[in-house]
């Protein structure tokens, strides 16, 4: 699995999670403390709220080549 992170605000991250083996992906958003985004990324990937495909493609257009994970 590969993750890509964008900070929408100091305390809001959106994380794309790509599984290259099966060529799918999804993106999740979550609130964080904003102290260390690298350390906070896995928590958003695991427990964040899944965003719509349209929103995810706006933030991570390079991931759109993969199948959207339903």
PDB file of N, CA and C in Angstrom:
ATOM      1  N   UNK A   1       0.836  -1.186   0.000  1.00  0.00           N
ATOM      2  CA  UNK A   1       0.000   0.000   0.000  1.00  0.00           C
ATOM      3  C   UNK A   1       0.883   1.251   0.000  1.00  0.00           C
ATOM      4  N   UNK A   2       0.405   2.233  -0.715  1.00  0.00           N
ATOM      5  CA  UNK A   2       1.077   3.522  -0.768  1.00  0.00           C
ATOM      6  C   UNK A   2       0.079   4.582  -0.331  1.00  0.00           C
ATOM      7  N   UNK A   3       0.540   5.554   0.448  1.00  0.00           N
ATOM      8  CA  UNK A   3      -0.335   6.647   0.850  1.00  0.00           C
ATOM      9  C   UNK A   3       0.230   7.970   0.340  1.00  0.00           C
ATOM     10  N   UNK A   4      -0.695   8.861   0.008  1.00  0.00           N
ATOM     11  CA  UNK A   4      -0.362  10.231  -0.382  1.00  0.00           C
ATOM     12  C   UNK A   4      -1.183  11.144   0.519  1.00  0.00           C
ATOM     13  N   UNK A   5      -0.557  12.164   1.061  1.00  0.00           N
ATOM     14  CA  UNK A   5      -1.226  13.037   2.023  1.00  0.00           C
ATOM     15  C   UNK A   5      -1.195  14.478   1.558  1.00  0.00           C
ATOM     16  N   UNK A   6      -2.319  15.163   1.766  1.00  0.00           N
ATOM     17  CA  UNK A   6      -2.402  16.612   1.551  1.00  0.00           C
ATOM     18  C   UNK A   6      -3.014  17.224   2.797  1.00  0.00           C
ATOM     19  N   UNK A   7      -2.410  18.277   3.271  1.00  0.00           N
ATOM     20  CA  UNK A   7      -2.975  19.019   4.392  1.00  0.00           C
ATOM     21  C   UNK A   7      -3.938  20.052   3.822  1.00  0.00           C
ATOM     22  N   UNK A   8      -5.200  19.959   4.199  1.00  0.00           N
ATOM     23  CA  UNK A   8      -6.181  20.959   3.788  1.00  0.00           C
ATOM     24  C   UNK A   8      -6.179  22.126   4.751  1.00  0.00           C
ATOM     25  N   UNK A   9      -5.655  21.870   5.932  1.00  0.00           N
ATOM     26  CA  UNK A   9      -5.497  22.862   6.988  1.00  0.00           C
ATOM     27  C   UNK A   9      -4.479  22.254   7.944  1.00  0.00           C
ATOM     28  N   UNK A  10      -3.977  23.008   8.871  1.00  0.00           N
ATOM     29  CA  UNK A  10      -3.014  22.475   9.829  1.00  0.00           C
ATOM     30  C   UNK A  10      -3.562  21.245  10.552  1.00  0.00           C
ATOM     31  N   UNK A  11      -4.864  21.238  10.798  1.00  0.00           N
ATOM     32  CA  UNK A  11      -5.468  20.152  11.570  1.00  0.00           C
ATOM     33  C   UNK A  11      -6.428  19.284  10.760  1.00  0.00           C
ATOM     34  N   UNK A  12      -6.324  19.328   9.433  1.00  0.00           N
ATOM     35  CA  UNK A  12      -7.179  18.493   8.580  1.00  0.00           C
ATOM     36  C   UNK A  12      -6.322  17.876   7.479  1.00  0.00           C
ATOM     37  N   UNK A  13      -6.302  16.539   7.429  1.00  0.00           N
ATOM     38  CA  UNK A  13      -5.568  15.831   6.388  1.00  0.00           C
ATOM     39  C   UNK A  13      -6.531  15.043   5.509  1.00  0.00           C
ATOM     40  N   UNK A  14      -6.174  14.922   4.244  1.00  0.00           N
ATOM     41  CA  UNK A  14      -6.851  14.001   3.341  1.00  0.00           C
ATOM     42  C   UNK A  14      -5.766  13.051   2.837  1.00  0.00           C
ATOM     43  N   UNK A  15      -6.067  11.763   2.887  1.00  0.00           N
ATOM     44  CA  UNK A  15      -5.071  10.733   2.593  1.00  0.00           C
ATOM     45  C   UNK A  15      -5.607   9.789   1.529  1.00  0.00           C
ATOM     46  N   UNK A  16      -4.859   9.616   0.460  1.00  0.00           N
ATOM     47  CA  UNK A  16      -5.185   8.618  -0.560  1.00  0.00           C
ATOM     48  C   UNK A  16      -4.443   7.340  -0.201  1.00  0.00           C
ATOM     49  N   UNK A  17      -5.149   6.222  -0.259  1.00  0.00           N
ATOM     50  CA  UNK A  17      -4.554   4.921   0.012  1.00  0.00           C
ATOM     51  C   UNK A  17      -4.663   4.102  -1.275  1.00  0.00           C
ATOM     52  N   UNK A  18      -3.514   3.755  -1.841  1.00  0.00           N
ATOM     53  CA  UNK A  18      -3.465   3.041  -3.110  1.00  0.00           C
ATOM     54  C   UNK A  18      -2.926   1.636  -2.875  1.00  0.00           C
ATOM     55  N   UNK A  19      -3.646   0.655  -3.404  1.00  0.00           N
ATOM     56  CA  UNK A  19      -3.181  -0.734  -3.374  1.00  0.00           C
ATOM     57  C   UNK A  19      -2.770  -1.085  -4.801  1.00  0.00           C
ATOM     58  N   UNK A  20      -1.470  -1.035  -5.068  1.00  0.00           N
ATOM     59  CA  UNK A  20      -0.971  -1.287  -6.414  1.00  0.00           C
ATOM     60  C   UNK A  20      -1.195  -2.730  -6.851  1.00  0.00           C
ATOM     61  N   UNK A  21      -1.219  -3.662  -5.905  1.00  0.00           N
ATOM     62  CA  UNK A  21      -1.383  -5.079  -6.246  1.00  0.00           C
ATOM     63  C   UNK A  21      -2.710  -5.340  -6.949  1.00  0.00           C
ATOM     64  N   UNK A  22      -3.767  -4.721  -6.458  1.00  0.00           N
ATOM     65  CA  UNK A  22      -5.076  -4.926  -7.090  1.00  0.00           C
ATOM     66  C   UNK A  22      -5.553  -3.676  -7.835  1.00  0.00           C
ATOM     67  N   UNK A  23      -4.681  -2.672  -7.876  1.00  0.00           N
ATOM     68  CA  UNK A  23      -4.905  -1.443  -8.642  1.00  0.00           C
ATOM     69  C   UNK A  23      -6.190  -0.710  -8.248  1.00  0.00           C
ATOM     70  N   UNK A  24      -6.371  -0.526  -6.932  1.00  0.00           N
ATOM     71  CA  UNK A  24      -7.511   0.273  -6.485  1.00  0.00           C
ATOM     72  C   UNK A  24      -7.059   1.312  -5.481  1.00  0.00           C
ATOM     73  N   UNK A  25      -7.977   2.238  -5.176  1.00  0.00           N
ATOM     74  CA  UNK A  25      -7.643   3.302  -4.240  1.00  0.00           C
ATOM     75  C   UNK A  25      -8.904   3.903  -3.648  1.00  0.00           C
ATOM     76  N   UNK A  26      -8.715   4.636  -2.556  1.00  0.00           N
ATOM     77  CA  UNK A  26      -9.762   5.411  -1.903  1.00  0.00           C
ATOM     78  C   UNK A  26      -9.064   6.538  -1.147  1.00  0.00           C
ATOM     79  N   UNK A  27      -9.835   7.518  -0.718  1.00  0.00           N
ATOM     80  CA  UNK A  27      -9.264   8.635   0.036  1.00  0.00           C
ATOM     81  C   UNK A  27     -10.124   8.912   1.262  1.00  0.00           C
ATOM     82  N   UNK A  28      -9.460   9.324   2.324  1.00  0.00           N
ATOM     83  CA  UNK A  28     -10.095   9.529   3.617  1.00  0.00           C
ATOM     84  C   UNK A  28      -9.684  10.887   4.177  1.00  0.00           C
ATOM     85  N   UNK A  29     -10.592  11.502   4.928  1.00  0.00           N
ATOM     86  CA  UNK A  29     -10.331  12.800   5.536  1.00  0.00           C
ATOM     87  C   UNK A  29     -10.494  12.679   7.047  1.00  0.00           C
ATOM     88  N   UNK A  30      -9.691  13.446   7.774  1.00  0.00           N
ATOM     89  CA  UNK A  30      -9.814  13.398   9.219  1.00  0.00           C
ATOM     90  C   UNK A  30      -9.132  14.571   9.898  1.00  0.00           C
ATOM     91  N   UNK A  31      -9.594  14.845  11.106  1.00  0.00           N
ATOM     92  CA  UNK A  31      -8.997  15.884  11.941  1.00  0.00           C
ATOM     93  C   UNK A  31      -7.807  15.294  12.688  1.00  0.00           C
ATOM     94  N   UNK A  32      -6.749  16.072  12.796  1.00  0.00           N
ATOM     95  CA  UNK A  32      -5.537  15.648  13.491  1.00  0.00           C
ATOM     96  C   UNK A  32      -5.089  16.767  14.428  1.00  0.00           C
ATOM     97  N   UNK A  33      -4.133  16.466  15.286  1.00  0.00           N
ATOM     98  CA  UNK A  33      -3.613  17.495  16.192  1.00  0.00           C
ATOM     99  C   UNK A  33      -2.790  18.546  15.448  1.00  0.00           C
ATOM    100  N   UNK A  34      -2.226  18.171  14.315  1.00  0.00           N
ATOM    101  CA  UNK A  34      -1.442  19.117  13.530  1.00  0.00           C
ATOM    102  C   UNK A  34      -0.018  19.282  13.997  1.00  0.00           C
ATOM    103  N   UNK A  35       0.466  18.335  14.770  1.00  0.00           N
ATOM    104  CA  UNK A  35       1.828  18.430  15.300  1.00  0.00           C
ATOM    105  C   UNK A  35       2.854  17.730  14.400  1.00  0.00           C
ATOM    106  N   UNK A  36       2.430  16.615  13.757  1.00  0.00           N
ATOM    107  CA  UNK A  36       3.340  15.850  12.917  1.00  0.00           C
ATOM    108  C   UNK A  36       2.512  15.101  11.875  1.00  0.00           C
ATOM    109  N   UNK A  37       2.345  15.689  10.719  1.00  0.00           N
ATOM    110  CA  UNK A  37       1.481  15.092   9.697  1.00  0.00           C
ATOM    111  C   UNK A  37       1.958  13.716   9.252  1.00  0.00           C
ATOM    112  N   UNK A  38       3.265  13.505   9.213  1.00  0.00           N
ATOM    113  CA  UNK A  38       3.770  12.177   8.833  1.00  0.00           C
ATOM    114  C   UNK A  38       3.297  11.117   9.824  1.00  0.00           C
ATOM    115  N   UNK A  39       3.335  11.426  11.093  1.00  0.00           N
ATOM    116  CA  UNK A  39       2.901  10.478  12.120  1.00  0.00           C
ATOM    117  C   UNK A  39       1.382  10.360  12.181  1.00  0.00           C
ATOM    118  N   UNK A  40       0.676  11.408  11.779  1.00  0.00           N
ATOM    119  CA  UNK A  40      -0.790  11.421  11.865  1.00  0.00           C
ATOM    120  C   UNK A  40      -1.474  10.792  10.645  1.00  0.00           C
ATOM    121  N   UNK A  41      -0.749  10.670   9.544  1.00  0.00           N
ATOM    122  CA  UNK A  41      -1.311  10.112   8.309  1.00  0.00           C
ATOM    123  C   UNK A  41      -1.893   8.713   8.485  1.00  0.00           C
ATOM    124  N   UNK A  42      -1.198   7.766   9.122  1.00  0.00           N
ATOM    125  CA  UNK A  42      -1.767   6.420   9.242  1.00  0.00           C
ATOM    126  C   UNK A  42      -3.114   6.386   9.971  1.00  0.00           C
ATOM    127  N   UNK A  43      -3.287   7.228  10.960  1.00  0.00           N
ATOM    128  CA  UNK A  43      -4.552   7.278  11.685  1.00  0.00           C
ATOM    129  C   UNK A  43      -5.708   7.717  10.803  1.00  0.00           C
ATOM    130  N   UNK A  44      -5.462   8.697   9.937  1.00  0.00           N
ATOM    131  CA  UNK A  44      -6.500   9.155   9.013  1.00  0.00           C
ATOM    132  C   UNK A  44      -6.793   8.056   7.993  1.00  0.00           C
ATOM    133  N   UNK A  45      -5.753   7.389   7.509  1.00  0.00           N
ATOM    134  CA  UNK A  45      -5.944   6.304   6.540  1.00  0.00           C
ATOM    135  C   UNK A  45      -6.767   5.163   7.130  1.00  0.00           C
ATOM    136  N   UNK A  46      -6.612   4.912   8.410  1.00  0.00           N
ATOM    137  CA  UNK A  46      -7.311   3.793   9.067  1.00  0.00           C
ATOM    138  C   UNK A  46      -8.695   4.168   9.599  1.00  0.00           C
ATOM    139  N   UNK A  47      -8.834   5.397  10.115  1.00  0.00           N
ATOM    140  CA  UNK A  47     -10.073   5.753  10.798  1.00  0.00           C
ATOM    141  C   UNK A  47     -10.778   6.978  10.234  1.00  0.00           C
ATOM    142  N   UNK A  48     -10.251   7.525   9.149  1.00  0.00           N
ATOM    143  CA  UNK A  48     -10.857   8.716   8.564  1.00  0.00           C
ATOM    144  C   UNK A  48     -12.170   8.408   7.866  1.00  0.00           C
ATOM    145  N   UNK A  49     -12.856   9.454   7.484  1.00  0.00           N
ATOM    146  CA  UNK A  49     -14.117   9.342   6.746  1.00  0.00           C
ATOM    147  C   UNK A  49     -13.806   9.305   5.259  1.00  0.00           C
ATOM    148  N   UNK A  50     -14.344   8.305   4.564  1.00  0.00           N
ATOM    149  CA  UNK A  50     -14.104   8.191   3.125  1.00  0.00           C
ATOM    150  C   UNK A  50     -14.771   9.357   2.407  1.00  0.00           C
ATOM    151  N   UNK A  51     -14.037   9.968   1.486  1.00  0.00           N
ATOM    152  CA  UNK A  51     -14.577  11.082   0.706  1.00  0.00           C
ATOM    153  C   UNK A  51     -15.122  10.547  -0.616  1.00  0.00           C
ATOM    154  N   UNK A  52     -15.853  11.379  -1.324  1.00  0.00           N
ATOM    155  CA  UNK A  52     -16.400  10.975  -2.618  1.00  0.00           C
ATOM    156  C   UNK A  52     -15.274  10.828  -3.634  1.00  0.00           C
ATOM    157  N   UNK A  53     -15.539  10.040  -4.653  1.00  0.00           N
ATOM    158  CA  UNK A  53     -14.577   9.848  -5.737  1.00  0.00           C
ATOM    159  C   UNK A  53     -14.254  11.182  -6.403  1.00  0.00           C
ATOM    160  N   UNK A  54     -15.265  12.025  -6.595  1.00  0.00           N
ATOM    161  CA  UNK A  54     -15.063  13.318  -7.246  1.00  0.00           C
ATOM    162  C   UNK A  54     -14.111  14.211  -6.448  1.00  0.00           C
ATOM    163  N   UNK A  55     -14.301  14.256  -5.140  1.00  0.00           N
ATOM    164  CA  UNK A  55     -13.413  15.069  -4.306  1.00  0.00           C
ATOM    165  C   UNK A  55     -12.001  14.493  -4.314  1.00  0.00           C
ATOM    166  N   UNK A  56     -11.908  13.186  -4.195  1.00  0.00           N
ATOM    167  CA  UNK A  56     -10.599  12.539  -4.168  1.00  0.00           C
ATOM    168  C   UNK A  56      -9.821  12.799  -5.451  1.00  0.00           C
ATOM    169  N   UNK A  57     -10.502  12.744  -6.589  1.00  0.00           N
ATOM    170  CA  UNK A  57      -9.831  12.976  -7.865  1.00  0.00           C
ATOM    171  C   UNK A  57      -9.366  14.420  -8.019  1.00  0.00           C
ATOM    172  N   UNK A  58     -10.052  15.362  -7.381  1.00  0.00           N
ATOM    173  CA  UNK A  58      -9.610  16.754  -7.426  1.00  0.00           C
ATOM    174  C   UNK A  58      -8.301  16.936  -6.661  1.00  0.00           C
ATOM    175  N   UNK A  59      -8.183  16.237  -5.538  1.00  0.00           N
ATOM    176  CA  UNK A  59      -6.999  16.389  -4.699  1.00  0.00           C
ATOM    177  C   UNK A  59      -5.842  15.505  -5.174  1.00  0.00           C
ATOM    178  N   UNK A  60      -6.168  14.315  -5.662  1.00  0.00           N
ATOM    179  CA  UNK A  60      -5.164  13.342  -6.084  1.00  0.00           C
ATOM    180  C   UNK A  60      -5.433  12.883  -7.529  1.00  0.00           C
ATOM    181  N   UNK A  61      -5.323  13.766  -8.521  1.00  0.00           N
ATOM    182  CA  UNK A  61      -5.665  13.385  -9.896  1.00  0.00           C
ATOM    183  C   UNK A  61      -4.806  12.246 -10.441  1.00  0.00           C
ATOM    184  N   UNK A  62      -3.583  12.116  -9.957  1.00  0.00           N
ATOM    185  CA  UNK A  62      -2.677  11.066 -10.426  1.00  0.00           C
ATOM    186  C   UNK A  62      -3.091   9.679  -9.944  1.00  0.00           C
ATOM    187  N   UNK A  63      -4.016   9.594  -9.006  1.00  0.00           N
ATOM    188  CA  UNK A  63      -4.503   8.295  -8.527  1.00  0.00           C
ATOM    189  C   UNK A  63      -5.704   7.808  -9.330  1.00  0.00           C
ATOM    190  N   UNK A  64      -6.276   8.662 -10.154  1.00  0.00           N
ATOM    191  CA  UNK A  64      -7.487   8.326 -10.900  1.00  0.00           C
ATOM    192  C   UNK A  64      -7.270   7.196 -11.910  1.00  0.00           C
ATOM    193  N   UNK A  65      -6.020   6.863 -12.194  1.00  0.00           N
ATOM    194  CA  UNK A  65      -5.741   5.755 -13.118  1.00  0.00           C
ATOM    195  C   UNK A  65      -6.074   4.396 -12.486  1.00  0.00           C
ATOM    196  N   UNK A  66      -6.242   4.384 -11.162  1.00  0.00           N
ATOM    197  CA  UNK A  66      -6.612   3.158 -10.454  1.00  0.00           C
ATOM    198  C   UNK A  66      -8.126   3.068 -10.330  1.00  0.00           C
ATOM    199  N   UNK A  67      -8.638   1.895 -10.031  1.00  0.00           N
ATOM    200  CA  UNK A  67     -10.072   1.695  -9.804  1.00  0.00           C
ATOM    201  C   UNK A  67     -10.457   2.252  -8.445  1.00  0.00           C
ATOM    202  N   UNK A  68     -11.589   2.922  -8.391  1.00  0.00           N
ATOM    203  CA  UNK A  68     -12.082   3.474  -7.130  1.00  0.00           C
ATOM    204  C   UNK A  68     -12.603   2.343  -6.248  1.00  0.00           C
ATOM    205  N   UNK A  69     -12.149   2.307  -5.013  1.00  0.00           N
ATOM    206  CA  UNK A  69     -12.566   1.284  -4.060  1.00  0.00           C
ATOM    207  C   UNK A  69     -13.937   1.664  -3.501  1.00  0.00           C
ATOM    208  N   UNK A  70     -14.949   0.863  -3.787  1.00  0.00           N
ATOM    209  CA  UNK A  70     -16.316   1.126  -3.327  1.00  0.00           C
ATOM    210  C   UNK A  70     -16.519   0.804  -1.872  1.00  0.00           C
TER     211      UNK A  70
END
